[in-house]
Protein backbone atom coordinates (compact mmCIF):
# COMPACT_ATOMS: atom_id res chain seq x y z
CA MET A 1 63.70 102.18 93.38
CA GLU A 2 64.92 98.90 94.87
CA GLU A 3 62.86 96.95 92.35
CA ILE A 4 64.43 98.87 89.47
CA LYS A 5 67.92 98.13 90.79
CA LYS A 6 67.06 94.45 91.12
CA VAL A 7 65.86 94.39 87.52
CA GLN A 8 69.02 96.17 86.34
CA LYS A 9 71.23 93.70 88.20
CA TRP A 10 69.30 90.78 86.71
CA ILE A 11 69.70 92.22 83.20
CA TYR A 12 73.44 92.77 83.69
CA ALA A 13 73.90 89.27 85.03
CA ASN A 14 71.98 87.66 82.15
CA MET A 15 72.89 90.05 79.36
CA VAL A 16 74.74 87.37 77.35
CA TRP A 17 71.70 85.13 77.03
CA LEU A 18 69.33 88.06 76.46
CA LEU A 19 71.42 89.32 73.53
CA ILE A 20 71.75 85.82 72.06
CA ILE A 21 67.97 85.48 72.17
CA VAL A 22 67.53 88.93 70.58
CA ALA A 23 70.04 88.01 67.85
CA PHE A 24 68.17 84.77 67.02
CA LEU A 25 64.80 86.55 66.98
CA LEU A 26 66.15 89.15 64.56
CA PHE A 27 67.62 86.39 62.38
CA ILE A 28 64.32 84.44 62.35
CA LEU A 29 62.35 87.62 61.45
CA SER A 30 64.73 88.23 58.56
CA LYS A 31 64.02 84.73 57.15
CA ILE A 32 60.24 84.64 57.63
CA GLY A 33 59.74 87.28 54.99
CA VAL A 34 57.30 89.47 56.87
CA PHE A 35 59.11 92.61 55.79
CA SER A 36 60.57 93.80 52.53
CA ILE A 37 63.81 92.42 51.13
CA ASN A 38 65.86 95.43 52.23
CA VAL A 39 64.43 95.30 55.78
CA ASN A 40 65.07 91.55 55.96
CA LEU A 41 68.70 92.06 54.93
CA LEU A 42 69.06 94.78 57.54
CA LEU A 43 67.59 92.50 60.22
CA GLU A 44 69.97 89.71 59.23
CA LYS A 45 73.02 91.97 59.45
CA LEU A 46 71.79 93.39 62.71
CA SER A 47 71.37 89.89 64.16
CA PHE A 48 75.00 89.03 63.32
CA THR A 49 76.19 92.33 64.78
CA VAL A 50 74.33 91.71 68.03
CA LEU A 51 75.59 88.14 68.17
CA SER A 52 79.26 89.13 67.69
CA SER A 53 80.06 92.53 69.15
CA GLY A 54 77.08 92.60 71.48
CA VAL A 55 77.83 89.24 73.07
CA PHE A 56 81.50 90.18 73.49
CA ALA A 57 80.56 93.41 75.24
CA ALA A 58 78.04 91.55 77.37
CA VAL A 59 80.67 89.04 78.45
CA LEU A 60 82.96 91.83 79.61
CA LYS A 61 80.10 93.51 81.42
CA SER A 62 79.11 90.26 83.06
CA ILE A 63 82.68 89.63 84.22
CA GLN A 64 82.84 93.15 85.60
CA PHE A 65 79.50 92.64 87.33
CA THR A 66 80.59 89.40 88.99
CA GLY A 67 83.63 91.20 90.49
CA ILE A 68 86.34 89.27 88.66
CA PHE A 69 87.97 92.42 87.26
CA LYS A 70 87.67 94.14 90.62
CA SER A 71 89.30 91.29 92.54
CA VAL A 72 92.11 90.89 89.99
CA ILE A 73 92.90 94.61 89.97
CA GLU A 74 92.84 94.74 93.77
CA GLU A 75 95.17 91.73 93.91
CA ILE A 76 97.62 93.41 91.54
CA ILE A 77 97.60 96.83 93.20
CA LEU A 78 97.61 95.59 96.79
CA GLY A 79 99.98 92.69 96.21
CA THR A 80 103.57 92.95 97.43
CA ASP A 81 104.96 92.20 93.94
CA PHE A 82 103.35 95.34 92.54
CA ILE A 83 104.76 97.45 95.39
CA GLU A 84 108.22 95.85 95.42
CA ASN A 85 108.64 96.39 91.67
CA ARG A 86 108.17 100.14 92.07
CA SER A 87 111.18 102.38 92.60
CA GLU A 88 111.79 103.68 96.13
CA LYS A 89 110.50 107.10 95.10
CA ASN A 90 107.33 105.59 93.62
CA GLN A 91 106.81 103.48 96.74
CA GLN A 92 106.99 106.61 98.88
CA GLU A 93 104.57 108.45 96.60
CA LEU A 94 102.17 105.50 96.73
CA TRP A 95 102.36 105.50 100.53
CA LYS A 96 101.72 109.26 100.64
CA ALA A 97 98.73 108.95 98.31
CA THR A 98 97.25 106.16 100.42
CA SER A 99 97.81 108.10 103.64
CA LYS A 100 96.32 111.25 102.17
CA ALA A 101 93.20 109.36 101.11
CA ILE A 102 92.75 108.19 104.72
CA TYR A 103 93.02 111.45 106.65
CA LYS A 104 93.18 114.42 104.26
CA LYS A 105 89.47 115.18 104.67
CA LYS A 106 89.97 115.46 108.42
CA PHE A 107 93.17 117.47 108.69
CA PRO A 108 94.17 118.85 105.26
CA GLU A 109 96.44 121.51 106.75
CA LEU A 110 98.51 118.82 108.52
CA SER A 111 98.65 116.40 105.60
CA ASP A 112 102.13 117.15 104.21
CA LEU A 113 103.71 117.64 107.64
CA VAL A 114 102.36 114.34 108.95
CA GLU A 115 103.37 112.43 105.81
CA ASN A 116 106.95 113.73 105.85
CA ARG A 117 107.42 113.21 109.57
CA ILE A 118 106.19 109.61 109.47
CA LEU A 119 108.11 108.84 106.27
CA GLN A 120 111.41 110.32 107.44
CA THR A 121 111.30 109.28 111.11
CA TYR A 122 108.83 106.48 111.78
CA LEU A 123 109.19 104.33 108.66
CA PRO A 124 112.43 102.36 108.14
CA THR A 125 113.27 104.05 104.83
CA THR A 126 116.65 105.43 105.97
CA LYS A 127 117.59 102.85 108.62
CA LYS A 128 120.03 100.10 107.77
CA HIS A 129 119.45 97.97 110.85
CA TYR A 130 117.21 97.38 113.83
CA ASN A 131 117.88 96.27 117.40
CA ARG A 132 116.39 93.29 119.17
CA ASP A 133 116.56 91.71 122.65
CA PHE A 134 118.00 94.88 124.17
CA VAL A 135 119.09 94.44 127.81
CA ILE A 136 120.15 97.57 129.74
CA THR A 137 121.63 97.37 133.24
CA ILE A 138 122.37 100.56 135.19
CA ASN A 139 124.07 100.28 138.56
CA ILE A 140 124.16 103.61 140.42
CA SER A 141 126.90 103.53 143.04
CA GLU A 142 126.53 107.07 144.38
CA ILE A 143 124.97 110.51 144.14
CA ASN A 144 127.12 112.70 146.38
CA ASP A 145 126.26 115.90 148.25
CA ASP A 146 127.25 117.98 145.20
CA PHE A 147 124.67 116.04 143.17
CA VAL A 148 127.27 114.25 141.10
CA ILE A 149 126.15 110.81 139.95
CA SER A 150 128.42 107.80 139.46
CA TYR A 151 127.24 104.60 137.81
CA THR A 152 128.08 101.77 135.43
CA GLN A 153 125.88 101.05 132.42
CA THR A 154 125.78 97.85 130.38
CA PHE A 155 124.14 97.33 126.98
CA LYS A 156 123.71 93.86 125.51
CA TYR A 157 121.67 93.34 122.33
CA ASP A 158 121.59 92.14 118.72
CA ILE A 159 121.72 94.31 115.63
CA VAL A 160 119.99 92.90 112.53
CA LEU A 161 121.03 94.29 109.13
CA ASP A 162 118.63 95.22 106.36
CA GLU A 163 118.60 92.43 103.74
CA SER A 164 119.59 94.89 101.01
CA VAL A 165 122.81 96.17 102.65
CA ASP A 166 126.06 94.64 103.85
CA GLU A 167 127.15 97.29 106.33
CA SER A 168 125.92 99.85 108.83
CA GLU A 169 127.24 101.71 111.87
CA ILE A 170 126.42 102.44 115.50
CA ILE A 171 126.27 106.17 116.19
CA SER A 172 126.42 107.32 119.83
CA LYS A 173 126.04 110.88 121.10
CA LEU A 174 127.08 111.98 124.59
CA SER A 175 126.41 115.45 125.99
CA ILE A 176 129.08 117.27 128.05
CA SER A 177 128.52 120.50 129.99
CA GLN A 178 130.85 122.82 131.85
CA GLU A 179 129.50 121.48 135.15
CA ASP A 180 130.46 117.98 134.06
CA GLU A 181 134.07 119.00 133.50
CA GLU A 182 134.23 120.69 136.91
CA SER A 183 132.77 117.65 138.69
CA GLY A 184 135.39 115.18 137.48
CA PHE A 185 133.52 113.98 134.40
CA LYS A 186 134.15 110.37 133.50
CA ASN A 187 133.08 108.26 130.54
CA ASP A 188 135.36 105.25 130.53
CA ILE A 189 134.66 102.24 128.33
CA ILE A 190 135.23 99.11 130.41
CA PHE A 191 134.67 96.90 127.36
CA TYR A 192 132.99 97.18 123.95
CA THR A 193 132.65 94.07 121.79
CA VAL A 194 130.98 93.22 118.49
CA ASN A 195 130.53 89.47 117.97
CA ASP A 196 132.86 88.94 120.97
CA LYS A 197 135.67 90.99 119.36
CA ASP A 198 136.96 94.17 121.01
CA VAL A 199 136.27 97.41 119.13
CA GLU A 200 137.38 101.01 119.59
CA PRO A 201 134.73 103.66 118.77
CA GLU A 202 135.88 106.38 116.40
CA GLU A 203 135.17 109.99 117.42
CA ILE A 204 133.39 112.03 114.75
CA ASP A 205 134.08 115.75 114.33
CA ASN A 206 130.97 117.84 114.90
CA ASP A 207 130.24 121.57 115.19
CA ASN A 208 128.48 121.29 118.55
CA LYS A 209 131.18 121.14 121.23
CA ASN A 210 128.61 120.17 123.86
CA TYR A 211 128.40 116.70 122.34
CA VAL A 212 130.83 113.90 121.70
CA VAL A 213 129.77 111.73 118.76
CA THR A 214 131.32 108.31 118.07
CA LYS A 215 130.70 105.55 115.56
CA VAL A 216 131.41 101.83 115.32
CA PRO A 217 131.28 100.30 111.80
CA LEU A 218 129.40 97.05 111.21
CA ILE A 219 130.38 94.99 108.16
CA SER A 220 128.74 91.70 107.24
CA GLU A 221 131.10 88.73 106.93
CA ASN A 222 130.29 85.33 105.42
CA GLY A 223 126.65 86.32 105.01
CA ASN A 224 126.18 86.97 108.72
CA ARG A 225 123.69 89.83 109.15
CA VAL A 226 123.33 89.69 112.94
CA PHE A 227 125.83 91.41 115.26
CA ARG A 228 126.04 90.75 119.01
CA ILE A 229 126.79 93.98 120.84
CA HIS A 230 128.08 94.05 124.41
CA LYS A 231 129.17 97.33 125.96
CA LYS A 232 129.91 98.49 129.50
CA VAL A 233 130.85 102.04 130.51
CA GLU A 234 131.60 103.81 133.78
CA ARG A 235 130.25 107.34 134.01
CA ARG A 236 130.32 110.30 136.38
CA TYR A 237 128.79 113.74 135.79
CA SER A 238 126.83 116.53 137.47
CA LEU A 239 123.03 116.48 137.89
CA LYS A 240 122.77 120.12 139.00
CA ASN A 241 121.33 121.42 135.73
CA GLU A 242 119.35 118.31 134.78
CA ASN A 243 118.47 115.76 137.43
CA TYR A 244 117.47 113.15 134.89
CA LYS A 245 118.94 110.74 132.37
CA LEU A 246 117.35 109.94 129.02
CA ILE A 247 117.89 106.88 126.84
CA ARG A 248 116.35 107.15 123.38
CA MET A 249 116.64 104.52 120.66
CA ALA A 250 118.42 105.55 117.46
CA THR A 251 116.61 102.92 115.39
CA PHE A 252 113.72 100.47 115.66
CA THR A 253 114.08 98.21 118.69
CA LYS A 254 112.15 95.01 119.44
CA GLY A 255 112.27 93.76 123.00
CA ILE A 256 113.84 95.79 125.83
CA ASP A 257 114.58 94.84 129.44
CA VAL A 258 115.81 97.47 131.90
CA VAL A 259 117.26 96.92 135.38
CA ILE A 260 118.28 99.93 137.53
CA SER A 261 119.83 99.51 140.98
CA PHE A 262 120.67 102.33 143.41
CA PRO A 263 121.81 103.01 147.01
CA GLU A 264 119.48 103.41 149.97
CA ASN A 265 119.78 107.20 150.07
CA VAL A 266 118.96 107.67 146.36
CA GLY A 267 115.48 107.96 144.89
CA VAL A 268 114.94 107.00 141.23
CA SER A 269 111.77 107.50 139.17
CA PHE A 270 111.23 105.79 135.81
CA PHE A 271 109.26 107.38 132.95
CA ASN A 272 108.40 106.56 129.33
CA ILE A 273 109.45 108.73 126.39
CA GLY A 274 106.91 108.83 123.56
CA ASN A 275 105.93 105.16 123.78
CA VAL A 276 102.42 104.13 122.75
CA ASN A 277 102.59 101.07 125.00
CA PHE A 278 104.43 101.77 128.25
CA PHE A 279 107.13 99.66 129.84
CA GLU A 280 105.72 97.02 132.18
CA GLU A 281 106.83 96.68 135.79
CA GLU A 282 108.83 93.56 136.72
CA HIS A 283 110.11 92.28 140.09
CA VAL A 284 108.41 95.05 142.07
CA ASP A 285 109.29 93.41 145.40
CA VAL A 286 113.07 93.88 144.98
CA LYS A 287 114.39 96.68 147.18
CA ASN A 288 116.38 99.57 145.67
CA GLN A 289 115.82 98.31 142.15
CA ILE A 290 113.63 99.22 139.19
CA SER A 291 112.90 96.53 136.63
CA ARG A 292 110.94 97.23 133.43
CA SER A 293 110.25 95.35 130.19
CA HIS A 294 108.92 96.25 126.76
CA ARG A 295 108.66 93.00 124.81
CA ASN A 296 105.41 92.84 122.81
CA ASP A 297 105.78 96.01 120.78
CA VAL A 298 108.42 97.99 118.92
CA ILE A 299 110.21 101.10 120.16
CA LEU A 300 110.47 103.68 117.37
CA PRO A 301 113.40 106.07 116.81
CA PHE A 302 113.61 108.80 119.50
CA GLN A 303 111.37 106.79 121.84
CA GLY A 304 112.67 105.12 124.97
CA PHE A 305 112.74 105.87 128.68
CA GLY A 306 114.16 108.20 131.27
CA MET A 307 115.08 108.36 134.96
CA SER A 308 114.92 111.24 137.43
CA PHE A 309 116.98 111.31 140.62
CA GLU A 310 116.84 112.71 144.14
CA LEU A 311 118.74 112.41 147.37
CA LYS A 312 116.60 111.20 150.26
CA ASN A 313 116.67 113.32 153.41
CA ASN A 314 119.32 115.54 151.88
CA VAL A 315 117.88 118.58 150.11
CA LYS A 316 120.48 120.90 148.65
């Protein structure tokens, strides 16, 4: 079987010269006069046919055999120009088709669900910006006997706009419970700046009264697509129902550093939320402080970190 394949490959590779030889042989036979006049004419016409259409077909076959067509087609289909020239809908359909070809045989019943979840949440199709060099500092001043926490929180990072848009917005959501209101809830903005200019977040009406949603618009000026964000808030609320705090990223974030400080009588535990690569420990020898970094990977939307709290030697 292997010998037959080798012969076939040799024939395909040398088909041009084989057909040229056949065409000349037929032409010579037609001129020798071995056959009748009609047969000689037929051989002559056949030789020209083989030499013209046959050689052309052989050239195409030879090119196909050598992989030229294959490499050119692959270059066109897999090249960024081909993809970028498709409409957004066609790009998404192309991505779905490629994904389906990879894993549909394994999990066909999950195919559509996985495609839509990744497309809508974990690919930047709806995001207008991403975050980078995100530094979060949380300074816990107290957790009192009623399990009410008081702390200041500082965010400092850059926002980078999508090249195709000129504006975006920062959306923040803060939960408020009845226990918070009874415990002297506080959420005071000490300062909030964008490119060193003070801003005032606008509260957005929403149906869920357990949340306060605010937004800060970002508009590109003079071609600048990077915004420096610096925000510090002072907060106080009850931990009775939930003795933890979660910080999830709203968009893609590259490079995060976290520093959490706390009093002697407070215990704090750090945990990852949905991250493939976990935060790395930093400065482990510093007392009453947690330091973590996430610099060599990207945090996806809804991923991030959390903290749980306890009072040492004071169980309520």
